[in-house]
Amino acid sequence: MLKRPKARSLVVAFSLLSVLILILSACGPSGTPSTGGTTSGKPVHGGTWVDDLFEEPTSLIPLGSAETFADIVDQTIWTALFVGDSQGQLHPGLASEIPTLANGDISADLKTWTFKLKPNLKWSDGQPITADDVDFSWRLWTNPKFGAASTLGYNLITSADVSADKLSITFHLKQAFEPFMTVWADGLQAPLPKHVFASMAPDQVLKSSENLKPSVASGPFMISESQLHDHYTVVKNPNYYRASEGLPYLDKIVFRIVANDATILKDFQSGAIDSAYFLDVSKTDTYKAISGYHAVINPISVNFEVSIFNFQNPILGKDLAVRKAIAMAIDHNTLIKTARKGTATPQCTDHSKAFVPGYQADAACPKFDPAGANALLDQDGWVKGSDGYRSKGGQKLEFKYSTTANKPWRDADELIIQSNLKDIGIKINIQNYPASTYFGPFLNGGKHDIAEYENSWTYDADNASGWACNQIPPNGSNWTWYCNPNLDKLFQQEEGSADPAVRQDAFNKIHEIELTDFPFVVLYSPTDLSVAKNVVHNYLPSSEGAAETINNWEWWCDGGKC
């Protein structure tokens, strides 16, 4: 799974989401109220919370990784300028206020942005957090030698002015960019300590000992143990900016690295852990039946499961008929009913109903039409051989299909899609990889043909980080290698306006290109599953931003014992 460094924007509020999550969190396996796991009661300090992660983070430095489980840990040790909540709303973090046109922090042309910091902020080592750290961070991230997971927004900065008191920074952009505030949201995009990293060459930062054991933090917790392939332990940061409020409540969080979902299930059954996120939805009923635990399910999702085409592949990149035929041949309903066990909803664009602007109800979704797909390939000159697979000019319609290893529902996706494409004469060879490889050298190196993962645009519908020309590796995470100048113009249109109608018009036109040129196929909108112990409170994973640990400073346990 991937919840990438996504284009983020002003506010996507989910009041219904918060109500439904609270209801689910307060219910046991039978749907009746449980004795714990709610947001009620007076918080108690103390306790060590244990959380299973089934993927190894590749970096714990902001924007050093595009992998979800890095983001989960990042959110515990870094505080961003702006932080999200489980309802999808942004609040000031290190910043003292949300910039708006009304308070003068944003210029009318959306090209000048001022971020003001709270006074007396400190890093965990006692050094002051200042606007110099913010200034240093964007410069590091935009240095191609660093290899940031995304440069979207930062690459528009032409200059930045730090105030004399070091408590504010004003950015000047070369073009209007409405989501600018939100590319500074949550731990994955938090400022870095200049005094730690300024002496390092940019290409050495992610190779240093700091990469998986940052020595200085700004979040509610800081790293105390970092044992590769085993666990990461975080403890209270005494210099956390909300420490005077008694936050965080917990003493420690231990993130354990486990092999697969089967291990997580055993850990739940033995009572060894307090929570786990992004679980195997095919085992939802099994998880709900575990005594002492409850399921936490976000019923409204901004996520989308997608299969992307690598345009460096000579067939996929040049033959629209092949891409379109694949889109017509995939049985989305079977994917949802069989692979996801119903825990997903139909969706054909990269914008769910949660995005307003963004979602398009009348998008021209391709119909499931194997006969039409076969006819299209016939017309394109691809001829079926005796083995049932097509070829043309000595080239076979044969591709490698890849996703992250050890994900049962994705294994099921692959088998369904493999069968669907066999029906139209396309051979699919399945080869999966650990997430650390998949979201690292595999996708960034363009070694895929067709790749599947889960993604989302959080806090805003701006989707340039996934598909813009300037986000092709090594500058970002456009792993399609698809570059369409007309699409880039539409990104500029939606990014350059605060008018919802103007932005929606741009998104509709973006969808039209997506659904006629087919750089990818959206499979469905998934509903993710988490499970937590009944004695824990405020565990409210979001479909936005840092997801599982979105509010980890508010987690607490009955009697201070998890």
Protein backbone atom coordinates (compact mmCIF):
# COMPACT_ATOMS: atom_id res chain seq x y z
CA MET A 1 0.00 0.00 0.00
CA LEU A 2 1.02 3.55 -0.60
CA LYS A 3 -0.29 6.70 0.98
CA ARG A 4 2.22 8.83 -0.78
CA PRO A 5 3.35 12.35 -0.05
CA LYS A 6 0.22 13.64 -1.60
CA ALA A 7 -0.88 16.98 -2.80
CA ARG A 8 -2.65 18.44 0.20
CA SER A 9 -4.96 21.39 0.45
CA LEU A 10 -7.01 23.68 2.58
CA VAL A 11 -9.82 21.66 4.19
CA VAL A 12 -11.85 18.55 3.48
CA ALA A 13 -14.24 18.19 6.41
CA PHE A 14 -15.86 14.89 7.26
CA SER A 15 -18.38 15.48 10.03
CA LEU A 16 -20.22 12.29 9.08
CA LEU A 17 -16.92 10.43 9.13
CA SER A 18 -16.19 11.44 12.71
CA VAL A 19 -19.60 10.32 13.90
CA LEU A 20 -19.36 6.94 12.18
CA ILE A 21 -15.82 6.26 13.34
CA LEU A 22 -16.81 7.06 16.91
CA ILE A 23 -19.76 4.69 16.67
CA LEU A 24 -17.59 1.91 15.30
CA SER A 25 -14.87 2.56 17.86
CA ALA A 26 -17.39 2.24 20.68
CA CYS A 27 -18.73 -1.08 19.48
CA GLY A 28 -17.52 -4.58 20.14
CA PRO A 29 -17.62 -7.45 17.64
CA SER A 30 -21.38 -7.78 17.91
CA GLY A 31 -21.99 -4.07 17.35
CA THR A 32 -22.90 -3.42 20.97
CA PRO A 33 -21.00 -0.81 23.00
CA SER A 34 -17.68 -2.10 24.30
CA THR A 35 -16.07 -1.28 27.64
CA GLY A 36 -13.28 0.67 26.02
CA GLY A 37 -11.91 2.07 22.83
CA THR A 38 -14.04 5.21 22.88
CA THR A 39 -13.22 8.89 23.10
CA SER A 40 -15.13 9.26 26.38
CA GLY A 41 -13.73 9.42 29.90
CA LYS A 42 -10.92 11.41 31.46
CA PRO A 43 -7.53 10.69 29.87
CA VAL A 44 -4.96 8.93 32.03
CA HIS A 45 -1.21 9.30 31.66
CA GLY A 46 1.17 6.38 31.29
CA GLY A 47 1.39 3.12 29.44
CA THR A 48 3.26 1.51 26.56
CA TRP A 49 1.20 1.03 23.42
CA VAL A 50 2.26 -1.74 21.01
CA ASP A 51 1.37 -1.47 17.32
CA ASP A 52 2.20 -4.00 14.58
CA LEU A 53 3.49 -2.80 11.21
CA PHE A 54 3.83 -5.37 8.46
CA GLU A 55 6.24 -3.29 6.42
CA GLU A 56 9.66 -1.87 7.29
CA PRO A 57 9.95 1.92 6.93
CA THR A 58 12.68 2.83 4.44
CA SER A 59 13.29 6.23 6.01
CA LEU A 60 12.10 8.20 9.05
CA ILE A 61 13.21 11.53 7.62
CA PRO A 62 10.40 13.71 6.25
CA LEU A 63 9.99 13.20 2.48
CA GLY A 64 12.72 10.58 2.59
CA SER A 65 10.19 7.85 1.79
CA ALA A 66 6.95 7.40 -0.12
CA GLU A 67 5.80 4.48 2.02
CA THR A 68 2.82 4.47 4.36
CA PHE A 69 4.46 2.85 7.36
CA ALA A 70 7.22 5.44 7.36
CA ASP A 71 4.48 8.08 7.58
CA ILE A 72 2.96 6.29 10.59
CA VAL A 73 6.21 6.58 12.56
CA ASP A 74 7.03 10.04 11.16
CA GLN A 75 3.81 11.40 12.64
CA THR A 76 4.95 10.37 16.11
CA ILE A 77 8.40 12.00 16.00
CA TRP A 78 7.88 15.07 13.78
CA THR A 79 5.43 17.95 14.07
CA ALA A 80 4.55 19.74 10.87
CA LEU A 81 3.56 23.36 10.45
CA PHE A 82 -0.02 22.13 10.06
CA VAL A 83 -1.58 18.93 11.42
CA GLY A 84 -4.69 17.07 10.33
CA ASP A 85 -7.35 15.36 12.39
CA SER A 86 -9.55 12.32 11.89
CA GLN A 87 -12.22 14.50 10.27
CA GLY A 88 -9.83 15.64 7.55
CA GLN A 89 -9.45 19.19 8.84
CA LEU A 90 -6.15 21.02 9.25
CA HIS A 91 -5.04 22.91 12.34
CA PRO A 92 -1.93 24.90 13.27
CA GLY A 93 0.94 22.69 14.40
CA LEU A 94 4.24 24.50 14.68
CA ALA A 95 2.49 27.36 12.89
CA SER A 96 0.67 29.90 15.03
CA GLU A 97 -2.27 30.30 12.64
CA ILE A 98 -3.81 28.99 9.44
CA PRO A 99 -2.87 31.35 6.59
CA THR A 100 -5.85 32.90 4.82
CA LEU A 101 -6.59 35.71 2.41
CA ALA A 102 -8.49 37.45 5.23
CA ASN A 103 -5.54 37.56 7.67
CA GLY A 104 -3.15 38.67 4.94
CA ASP A 105 -0.93 35.59 5.07
CA ILE A 106 -1.87 34.73 1.48
CA SER A 107 -1.75 37.20 -1.39
CA ALA A 108 -4.76 37.59 -3.67
CA ASP A 109 -2.85 36.00 -6.56
CA LEU A 110 -1.96 32.94 -4.40
CA LYS A 111 1.75 33.49 -5.11
CA THR A 112 2.91 34.85 -1.75
CA TRP A 113 2.45 32.85 1.44
CA THR A 114 3.54 33.71 4.98
CA PHE A 115 3.82 31.04 7.66
CA LYS A 116 4.11 32.26 11.24
CA LEU A 117 5.60 30.06 13.95
CA LYS A 118 4.61 29.78 17.57
CA PRO A 119 7.20 31.38 19.85
CA ASN A 120 9.58 29.38 22.05
CA LEU A 121 9.40 26.16 20.05
CA LYS A 122 12.19 23.68 20.74
CA TRP A 123 13.66 20.57 19.19
CA SER A 124 13.93 17.58 21.50
CA ASP A 125 17.58 18.50 22.21
CA GLY A 126 16.54 21.95 23.43
CA GLN A 127 17.68 23.90 20.36
CA PRO A 128 15.12 26.46 19.11
CA ILE A 129 12.85 25.61 16.18
CA THR A 130 12.85 28.63 13.89
CA ALA A 131 11.91 29.71 10.39
CA ASP A 132 15.51 28.94 9.42
CA ASP A 133 14.63 25.25 9.81
CA VAL A 134 11.65 25.67 7.49
CA ASP A 135 13.80 27.49 4.96
CA PHE A 136 16.49 24.81 5.13
CA SER A 137 13.94 22.01 4.64
CA TRP A 138 12.41 23.10 1.35
CA ARG A 139 15.85 23.78 -0.08
CA LEU A 140 16.99 20.28 0.86
CA TRP A 141 13.85 18.63 -0.53
CA THR A 142 14.19 20.37 -3.89
CA ASN A 143 17.82 19.37 -4.24
CA PRO A 144 17.72 16.41 -6.68
CA LYS A 145 20.63 14.82 -4.82
CA PHE A 146 18.41 14.35 -1.77
CA GLY A 147 15.80 12.33 -3.70
CA ALA A 148 12.59 13.61 -2.09
CA ALA A 149 9.47 11.49 -2.45
CA SER A 150 7.69 14.59 -3.76
CA THR A 151 8.75 18.09 -4.72
CA LEU A 152 5.28 19.33 -5.63
CA GLY A 153 4.73 22.88 -4.39
CA TYR A 154 8.28 23.30 -3.13
CA ASN A 155 9.49 23.34 -6.74
CA LEU A 156 7.45 26.50 -7.33
CA ILE A 157 9.33 28.53 -4.72
CA THR A 158 11.47 31.25 -6.28
CA SER A 159 12.62 32.77 -3.00
CA ALA A 160 11.88 32.76 0.74
CA ASP A 161 12.34 35.56 3.28
CA VAL A 162 12.93 34.73 6.95
CA SER A 163 11.91 37.47 9.37
CA ALA A 164 14.47 39.09 11.65
CA ASP A 165 12.96 37.40 14.72
CA LYS A 166 13.02 33.99 12.92
CA LEU A 167 9.33 33.50 13.69
CA SER A 168 7.95 33.77 10.17
CA ILE A 169 8.87 32.90 6.62
CA THR A 170 7.39 34.34 3.45
CA PHE A 171 7.46 32.26 0.28
CA HIS A 172 7.31 33.70 -3.21
CA LEU A 173 6.03 31.27 -5.86
CA LYS A 174 6.50 31.48 -9.60
CA GLN A 175 2.82 30.69 -10.11
CA ALA A 176 -0.37 30.51 -8.09
CA PHE A 177 -0.65 27.32 -6.02
CA GLU A 178 -3.78 27.00 -3.90
CA PRO A 179 -2.68 23.80 -2.05
CA PHE A 180 0.64 25.31 -0.88
CA MET A 181 -0.20 25.30 2.83
CA THR A 182 -1.03 21.64 2.73
CA VAL A 183 2.26 20.39 1.30
CA TRP A 184 3.53 21.33 4.79
CA ALA A 185 0.97 19.16 6.62
CA ASP A 186 1.58 16.13 8.87
CA GLY A 187 4.77 14.38 9.89
CA LEU A 188 5.83 13.20 6.45
CA GLN A 189 6.31 16.85 5.43
CA ALA A 190 7.52 18.37 8.70
CA PRO A 191 10.50 20.75 8.87
CA LEU A 192 13.90 19.24 9.59
CA PRO A 193 16.43 20.45 12.19
CA LYS A 194 18.94 22.52 10.27
CA HIS A 195 21.54 22.15 13.00
CA VAL A 196 21.55 18.37 12.48
CA PHE A 197 21.47 18.11 8.70
CA ALA A 198 23.10 21.28 7.33
CA SER A 199 26.58 19.80 7.63
CA MET A 200 25.63 16.73 5.56
CA ALA A 201 25.83 16.55 1.79
CA PRO A 202 22.26 16.22 0.42
CA ASP A 203 23.01 12.83 -1.13
CA GLN A 204 24.26 11.51 2.21
CA VAL A 205 21.26 12.41 4.39
CA LEU A 206 19.24 9.28 3.58
CA LYS A 207 22.37 7.15 3.88
CA SER A 208 23.29 8.48 7.31
CA SER A 209 22.55 6.94 10.71
CA GLU A 210 19.81 9.59 11.05
CA ASN A 211 17.75 7.92 8.33
CA LEU A 212 16.13 5.30 10.58
CA LYS A 213 17.11 6.73 13.96
CA PRO A 214 16.72 10.50 13.96
CA SER A 215 18.61 11.91 16.94
CA VAL A 216 16.46 15.03 17.21
CA ALA A 217 12.67 15.25 16.99
CA SER A 218 9.87 17.82 17.13
CA GLY A 219 6.87 15.54 17.63
CA PRO A 220 5.12 14.24 20.73
CA PHE A 221 7.61 11.38 20.85
CA MET A 222 11.23 10.78 19.95
CA ILE A 223 13.10 7.64 18.89
CA SER A 224 14.69 5.68 21.72
CA GLU A 225 15.25 2.36 19.93
CA SER A 226 15.60 1.61 16.24
CA GLN A 227 16.20 -2.04 15.54
CA LEU A 228 16.02 -2.84 11.84
CA HIS A 229 13.51 -5.58 10.92
CA ASP A 230 12.33 -5.81 14.53
CA HIS A 231 10.96 -2.70 16.19
CA TYR A 232 11.04 1.08 16.63
CA THR A 233 10.34 2.48 20.09
CA VAL A 234 9.38 6.09 20.69
CA VAL A 235 9.24 7.82 24.08
CA LYS A 236 7.84 11.15 25.27
CA ASN A 237 9.55 14.25 23.93
CA PRO A 238 9.90 16.60 26.94
CA ASN A 239 10.19 19.58 24.59
CA TYR A 240 7.04 18.82 22.61
CA TYR A 241 5.20 22.09 22.06
CA ARG A 242 2.07 20.74 23.79
CA ALA A 243 3.87 19.19 26.76
CA SER A 244 2.45 21.84 29.10
CA GLU A 245 -1.02 20.49 28.25
CA GLY A 246 0.04 17.06 29.49
CA LEU A 247 0.49 15.65 25.99
CA PRO A 248 1.21 13.03 24.92
CA TYR A 249 -0.61 10.81 27.40
CA LEU A 250 1.36 7.65 26.66
CA ASP A 251 4.89 7.00 27.89
CA LYS A 252 5.89 4.90 24.89
CA ILE A 253 4.77 3.45 21.59
CA VAL A 254 6.47 0.36 20.22
CA PHE A 255 6.09 -0.21 16.49
CA ARG A 256 6.85 -3.86 15.86
CA ILE A 257 7.83 -5.03 12.38
CA VAL A 258 6.10 -8.30 11.53
CA ALA A 259 6.17 -10.59 8.54
CA ASN A 260 2.56 -10.59 7.43
CA ASP A 261 -1.12 -10.36 8.35
CA ALA A 262 -1.08 -13.88 9.76
CA THR A 263 1.42 -12.77 12.40
CA ILE A 264 -0.71 -9.75 13.25
CA LEU A 265 -3.77 -11.95 13.66
CA LYS A 266 -1.88 -14.23 16.06
CA ASP A 267 -0.68 -11.18 18.01
CA PHE A 268 -4.27 -10.01 18.41
CA GLN A 269 -5.47 -13.46 19.44
CA SER A 270 -2.75 -13.68 22.10
CA GLY A 271 -3.42 -10.13 23.33
CA ALA A 272 0.19 -9.09 22.59
CA ILE A 273 -0.61 -5.83 20.79
CA ASP A 274 -2.90 -2.85 21.18
CA SER A 275 -3.56 -1.98 17.55
CA ALA A 276 -2.74 -2.53 13.91
CA TYR A 277 -3.72 -0.74 10.73
CA PHE A 278 -4.38 -1.58 7.05
CA LEU A 279 -5.37 -5.16 7.82
CA ASP A 280 -6.46 -7.97 5.55
CA VAL A 281 -10.11 -7.14 4.83
CA SER A 282 -10.82 -10.72 3.77
CA LYS A 283 -10.50 -11.58 7.48
CA THR A 284 -12.74 -8.78 8.76
CA ASP A 285 -15.19 -11.15 10.47
CA THR A 286 -12.30 -13.00 12.12
CA TYR A 287 -10.83 -9.76 13.47
CA LYS A 288 -14.20 -8.56 14.76
CA ALA A 289 -14.68 -11.81 16.67
CA ILE A 290 -11.46 -11.50 18.71
CA SER A 291 -12.29 -11.05 22.38
CA GLY A 292 -11.14 -7.79 23.95
CA TYR A 293 -10.76 -5.92 20.65
CA HIS A 294 -12.93 -3.88 18.31
CA ALA A 295 -12.76 -2.98 14.62
CA VAL A 296 -12.25 0.63 13.61
CA ILE A 297 -13.39 1.20 10.05
CA ASN A 298 -13.38 4.50 8.23
CA PRO A 299 -16.58 4.35 6.16
CA ILE A 300 -15.66 7.34 4.00
CA SER A 301 -12.50 6.95 1.99
CA VAL A 302 -10.41 9.35 -0.06
CA ASN A 303 -8.27 6.40 -1.15
CA PHE A 304 -8.21 4.64 -4.49
CA GLU A 305 -6.69 1.35 -5.60
CA VAL A 306 -5.00 1.85 -8.95
CA SER A 307 -3.16 -0.08 -11.63
CA ILE A 308 -0.71 2.18 -13.43
CA PHE A 309 0.96 1.66 -16.80
CA ASN A 310 4.66 2.34 -17.24
CA PHE A 311 4.93 4.53 -20.34
CA GLN A 312 8.56 3.49 -20.73
CA ASN A 313 7.25 0.11 -21.85
CA PRO A 314 7.27 0.30 -25.69
CA ILE A 315 3.78 -1.22 -26.01
CA LEU A 316 2.00 0.27 -23.02
CA GLY A 317 3.49 3.71 -23.62
CA LYS A 318 2.66 3.94 -27.32
CA ASP A 319 -0.44 1.84 -27.94
CA LEU A 320 -3.59 3.48 -26.60
CA ALA A 321 -5.73 0.60 -27.88
CA VAL A 322 -3.93 -1.81 -25.55
CA ARG A 323 -4.37 0.44 -22.50
CA LYS A 324 -8.03 1.05 -23.33
CA ALA A 325 -8.68 -2.66 -23.89
CA ILE A 326 -7.20 -3.45 -20.47
CA ALA A 327 -9.47 -0.84 -18.88
CA MET A 328 -12.51 -2.38 -20.61
CA ALA A 329 -11.58 -5.95 -19.64
CA ILE A 330 -11.19 -5.55 -15.85
CA ASP A 331 -14.20 -6.73 -13.85
CA HIS A 332 -14.36 -4.16 -11.06
CA ASN A 333 -17.44 -5.66 -9.41
CA THR A 334 -15.72 -9.02 -8.98
CA LEU A 335 -12.67 -7.28 -7.52
CA ILE A 336 -14.90 -5.61 -4.94
CA LYS A 337 -17.06 -8.64 -4.12
CA THR A 338 -14.41 -11.36 -4.25
CA ALA A 339 -11.04 -9.80 -3.47
CA ARG A 340 -12.23 -7.08 -1.10
CA LYS A 341 -15.18 -9.03 0.36
CA GLY A 342 -17.36 -5.99 -0.26
CA THR A 343 -15.10 -3.54 1.62
CA ALA A 344 -14.79 -1.12 -1.30
CA THR A 345 -17.00 1.00 -3.52
CA PRO A 346 -16.98 1.51 -7.31
CA GLN A 347 -14.80 4.37 -8.52
CA CYS A 348 -13.14 5.08 -11.87
CA THR A 349 -11.34 8.37 -11.23
CA ASP A 350 -8.78 9.28 -8.58
CA HIS A 351 -11.29 11.47 -6.69
CA SER A 352 -13.82 10.03 -4.26
CA LYS A 353 -17.08 11.64 -3.14
CA ALA A 354 -15.21 13.17 -0.21
CA PHE A 355 -13.56 15.72 -2.47
CA VAL A 356 -15.57 18.87 -3.14
CA PRO A 357 -14.34 20.18 -5.51
CA GLY A 358 -12.83 17.10 -7.14
CA TYR A 359 -15.46 14.37 -7.33
CA GLN A 360 -17.34 14.08 -10.63
CA ALA A 361 -20.60 12.13 -10.46
CA ASP A 362 -21.01 11.89 -14.24
CA ALA A 363 -17.46 10.82 -15.11
CA ALA A 364 -17.40 8.62 -18.24
CA CYS A 365 -16.35 5.37 -16.55
CA PRO A 366 -15.36 2.57 -18.95
CA LYS A 367 -17.87 -0.28 -19.09
CA PHE A 368 -16.85 -3.87 -18.39
CA ASP A 369 -16.87 -5.12 -21.98
CA PRO A 370 -14.55 -8.05 -22.78
CA ALA A 371 -16.13 -8.47 -26.24
CA GLY A 372 -15.49 -4.83 -27.04
CA ALA A 373 -11.93 -5.10 -25.73
CA ASN A 374 -11.29 -8.12 -27.95
CA ALA A 375 -12.69 -6.27 -30.96
CA LEU A 376 -10.50 -3.26 -30.19
CA LEU A 377 -7.36 -5.38 -30.12
CA ASP A 378 -8.41 -7.16 -33.32
CA GLN A 379 -8.74 -3.79 -35.04
CA ASP A 380 -5.34 -2.77 -33.69
CA GLY A 381 -3.71 -5.75 -35.39
CA TRP A 382 -3.05 -7.92 -32.35
CA VAL A 383 -3.67 -11.51 -33.40
CA LYS A 384 -4.41 -14.41 -31.06
CA GLY A 385 -2.15 -17.44 -31.38
CA SER A 386 -2.85 -21.08 -30.63
CA ASP A 387 -2.11 -20.41 -26.94
CA GLY A 388 -4.82 -17.74 -26.84
CA TYR A 389 -2.39 -14.84 -26.42
CA ARG A 390 -1.94 -12.02 -28.90
CA SER A 391 1.09 -10.83 -30.83
CA LYS A 392 1.91 -8.33 -33.57
CA GLY A 393 5.12 -7.76 -35.48
CA GLY A 394 6.99 -10.28 -33.39
CA GLN A 395 5.90 -8.66 -30.12
CA LYS A 396 3.69 -10.49 -27.62
CA LEU A 397 1.06 -8.87 -25.44
CA GLU A 398 2.78 -10.02 -22.28
CA PHE A 399 3.40 -7.87 -19.21
CA LYS A 400 4.65 -8.15 -15.65
CA TYR A 401 2.02 -7.24 -13.05
CA SER A 402 3.35 -6.26 -9.62
CA THR A 403 2.19 -5.09 -6.22
CA THR A 404 3.35 -5.35 -2.62
CA ALA A 405 3.96 -8.88 -1.33
CA ASN A 406 1.94 -10.63 1.39
CA LYS A 407 -1.34 -8.78 0.84
CA PRO A 408 -4.04 -11.46 0.43
CA TRP A 409 -6.65 -9.17 -1.12
CA ARG A 410 -4.09 -7.91 -3.64
CA ASP A 411 -3.14 -11.49 -4.47
CA ALA A 412 -6.83 -12.02 -5.22
CA ASP A 413 -6.93 -8.81 -7.29
CA GLU A 414 -4.05 -10.08 -9.37
CA LEU A 415 -5.61 -13.46 -10.08
CA ILE A 416 -8.89 -11.85 -11.15
CA ILE A 417 -7.12 -9.33 -13.38
CA GLN A 418 -4.84 -12.04 -14.80
CA SER A 419 -7.94 -14.05 -15.76
CA ASN A 420 -9.72 -10.97 -17.15
CA LEU A 421 -6.79 -10.12 -19.40
CA LYS A 422 -6.29 -13.71 -20.52
CA ASP A 423 -9.85 -13.50 -21.85
CA ILE A 424 -8.74 -10.78 -24.27
CA GLY A 425 -5.41 -12.40 -25.17
CA ILE A 426 -3.04 -10.56 -22.84
CA LYS A 427 -0.63 -12.61 -20.76
CA ILE A 428 0.09 -11.37 -17.25
CA ASN A 429 3.05 -12.62 -15.21
CA ILE A 430 2.71 -11.84 -11.50
CA GLN A 431 5.80 -10.77 -9.56
CA ASN A 432 5.47 -9.01 -6.21
CA TYR A 433 7.97 -7.28 -3.93
CA PRO A 434 8.33 -6.15 -0.30
CA ALA A 435 7.06 -2.59 0.12
CA SER A 436 10.55 -1.28 0.88
CA THR A 437 11.70 -2.51 -2.53
CA TYR A 438 8.43 -1.86 -4.34
CA PHE A 439 8.11 1.81 -3.34
CA GLY A 440 11.86 2.27 -3.59
CA PRO A 441 14.13 1.01 -6.36
CA PHE A 442 11.40 -0.93 -8.21
CA LEU A 443 8.93 1.88 -8.97
CA ASN A 444 11.47 4.70 -8.82
CA GLY A 445 13.68 2.76 -11.21
CA GLY A 446 10.85 2.19 -13.67
CA LYS A 447 11.23 -1.59 -13.51
CA HIS A 448 7.50 -2.28 -13.68
CA ASP A 449 5.05 -2.80 -16.54
CA ILE A 450 1.74 -2.64 -14.66
CA ALA A 451 1.83 -1.82 -10.95
CA GLU A 452 -0.97 -1.83 -8.36
CA TYR A 453 -1.12 0.12 -5.10
CA GLU A 454 -3.43 2.24 -2.94
CA ASN A 455 -3.08 5.99 -3.04
CA SER A 456 -4.90 9.16 -2.02
CA TRP A 457 -4.74 12.91 -2.34
CA THR A 458 -5.19 14.19 1.18
CA TYR A 459 -6.77 17.43 2.38
CA ASP A 460 -7.28 18.43 -1.26
CA ALA A 461 -8.08 16.97 -4.66
CA ASP A 462 -4.94 18.33 -6.34
CA ASN A 463 -3.49 15.25 -8.05
CA ALA A 464 -0.45 16.71 -9.80
CA SER A 465 1.94 14.86 -7.48
CA GLY A 466 0.91 11.59 -9.11
CA TRP A 467 0.67 12.50 -12.77
CA ALA A 468 2.47 15.79 -13.56
CA CYS A 469 5.46 15.81 -15.90
CA ASN A 470 7.70 17.43 -13.29
CA GLN A 471 6.96 14.65 -10.77
CA ILE A 472 8.55 11.87 -12.83
CA PRO A 473 11.39 10.26 -10.80
CA PRO A 474 13.81 11.37 -9.48
CA ASN A 475 11.73 14.54 -8.88
CA GLY A 476 8.67 12.85 -7.46
CA SER A 477 6.36 9.83 -7.60
CA ASN A 478 4.81 9.92 -11.07
CA TRP A 479 5.61 6.27 -11.61
CA THR A 480 3.66 6.14 -14.87
CA TRP A 481 6.35 8.20 -16.61
CA TYR A 482 3.32 9.67 -18.41
CA CYS A 483 3.82 13.29 -19.46
CA ASN A 484 0.93 15.20 -20.99
CA PRO A 485 1.35 19.01 -21.38
CA ASN A 486 -2.45 19.42 -21.63
CA LEU A 487 -2.82 17.69 -18.26
CA ASP A 488 -0.14 19.95 -16.79
CA LYS A 489 -2.09 23.02 -17.94
CA LEU A 490 -5.16 21.72 -16.14
CA PHE A 491 -3.15 21.13 -12.98
CA GLN A 492 -2.09 24.77 -13.13
CA GLN A 493 -5.72 25.80 -13.60
CA GLU A 494 -6.99 23.97 -10.51
CA GLU A 495 -3.94 24.89 -8.43
CA GLY A 496 -4.16 28.52 -9.48
CA SER A 497 -7.66 29.28 -8.23
CA ALA A 498 -9.47 29.40 -4.91
CA ASP A 499 -12.82 29.32 -6.76
CA PRO A 500 -14.41 25.85 -6.32
CA ALA A 501 -16.24 26.12 -9.66
CA VAL A 502 -13.03 26.88 -11.54
CA ARG A 503 -11.26 24.01 -9.85
CA GLN A 504 -14.12 21.56 -10.49
CA ASP A 505 -14.11 22.45 -14.17
CA ALA A 506 -10.39 21.65 -14.28
CA PHE A 507 -10.87 18.35 -12.45
CA ASN A 508 -13.64 17.32 -14.87
CA LYS A 509 -11.29 17.94 -17.79
CA ILE A 510 -8.50 16.08 -15.99
CA HIS A 511 -10.85 13.10 -15.62
CA GLU A 512 -11.70 13.27 -19.32
CA ILE A 513 -8.01 12.87 -20.19
CA GLU A 514 -7.57 10.11 -17.61
CA LEU A 515 -10.53 8.20 -19.06
CA THR A 516 -9.56 8.59 -22.72
CA ASP A 517 -5.77 8.31 -22.62
CA PHE A 518 -5.70 5.71 -19.80
CA PRO A 519 -2.33 6.27 -18.08
CA PHE A 520 -3.84 4.17 -15.27
CA VAL A 521 -6.99 2.30 -14.30
CA VAL A 522 -8.66 3.01 -10.96
CA LEU A 523 -9.93 -0.32 -9.64
CA TYR A 524 -12.10 0.80 -6.70
CA SER A 525 -12.22 2.96 -3.59
CA PRO A 526 -11.17 0.75 -0.64
CA THR A 527 -12.37 0.89 2.94
CA ASP A 528 -9.42 0.14 5.21
CA LEU A 529 -9.60 -1.91 8.40
CA SER A 530 -7.93 -1.29 11.75
CA VAL A 531 -8.34 -3.13 15.06
CA ALA A 532 -7.68 -1.87 18.59
CA LYS A 533 -7.88 -3.19 22.13
CA ASN A 534 -10.99 -2.28 24.12
CA VAL A 535 -8.93 -0.58 26.86
CA VAL A 536 -7.48 2.02 24.51
CA HIS A 537 -8.97 5.40 23.70
CA ASN A 538 -8.85 7.99 20.92
CA TYR A 539 -7.58 5.52 18.34
CA LEU A 540 -9.22 7.13 15.30
CA PRO A 541 -7.33 6.37 12.06
CA SER A 542 -8.07 8.75 9.24
CA SER A 543 -8.22 8.22 5.51
CA GLU A 544 -6.15 11.38 5.30
CA GLY A 545 -2.53 12.25 5.90
CA ALA A 546 -0.69 10.23 8.51
CA ALA A 547 -3.68 7.86 8.77
CA GLU A 548 -3.17 5.54 11.77
CA THR A 549 -1.19 7.90 13.98
CA ILE A 550 -2.97 11.09 12.94
CA ASN A 551 -3.66 11.97 16.62
CA ASN A 552 -1.22 9.74 18.53
CA TRP A 553 -0.55 12.40 21.18
CA GLU A 554 -4.17 11.91 22.33
CA TRP A 555 -4.02 8.11 22.64
CA TRP A 556 -4.45 6.76 26.19
CA CYS A 557 -5.27 3.54 28.00
CA ASP A 558 -7.50 2.61 30.94
CA GLY A 559 -5.57 3.06 34.18
CA GLY A 560 -2.48 4.09 32.22
CA LYS A 561 -1.97 0.43 31.28
CA CYS A 562 -2.37 -0.69 27.66
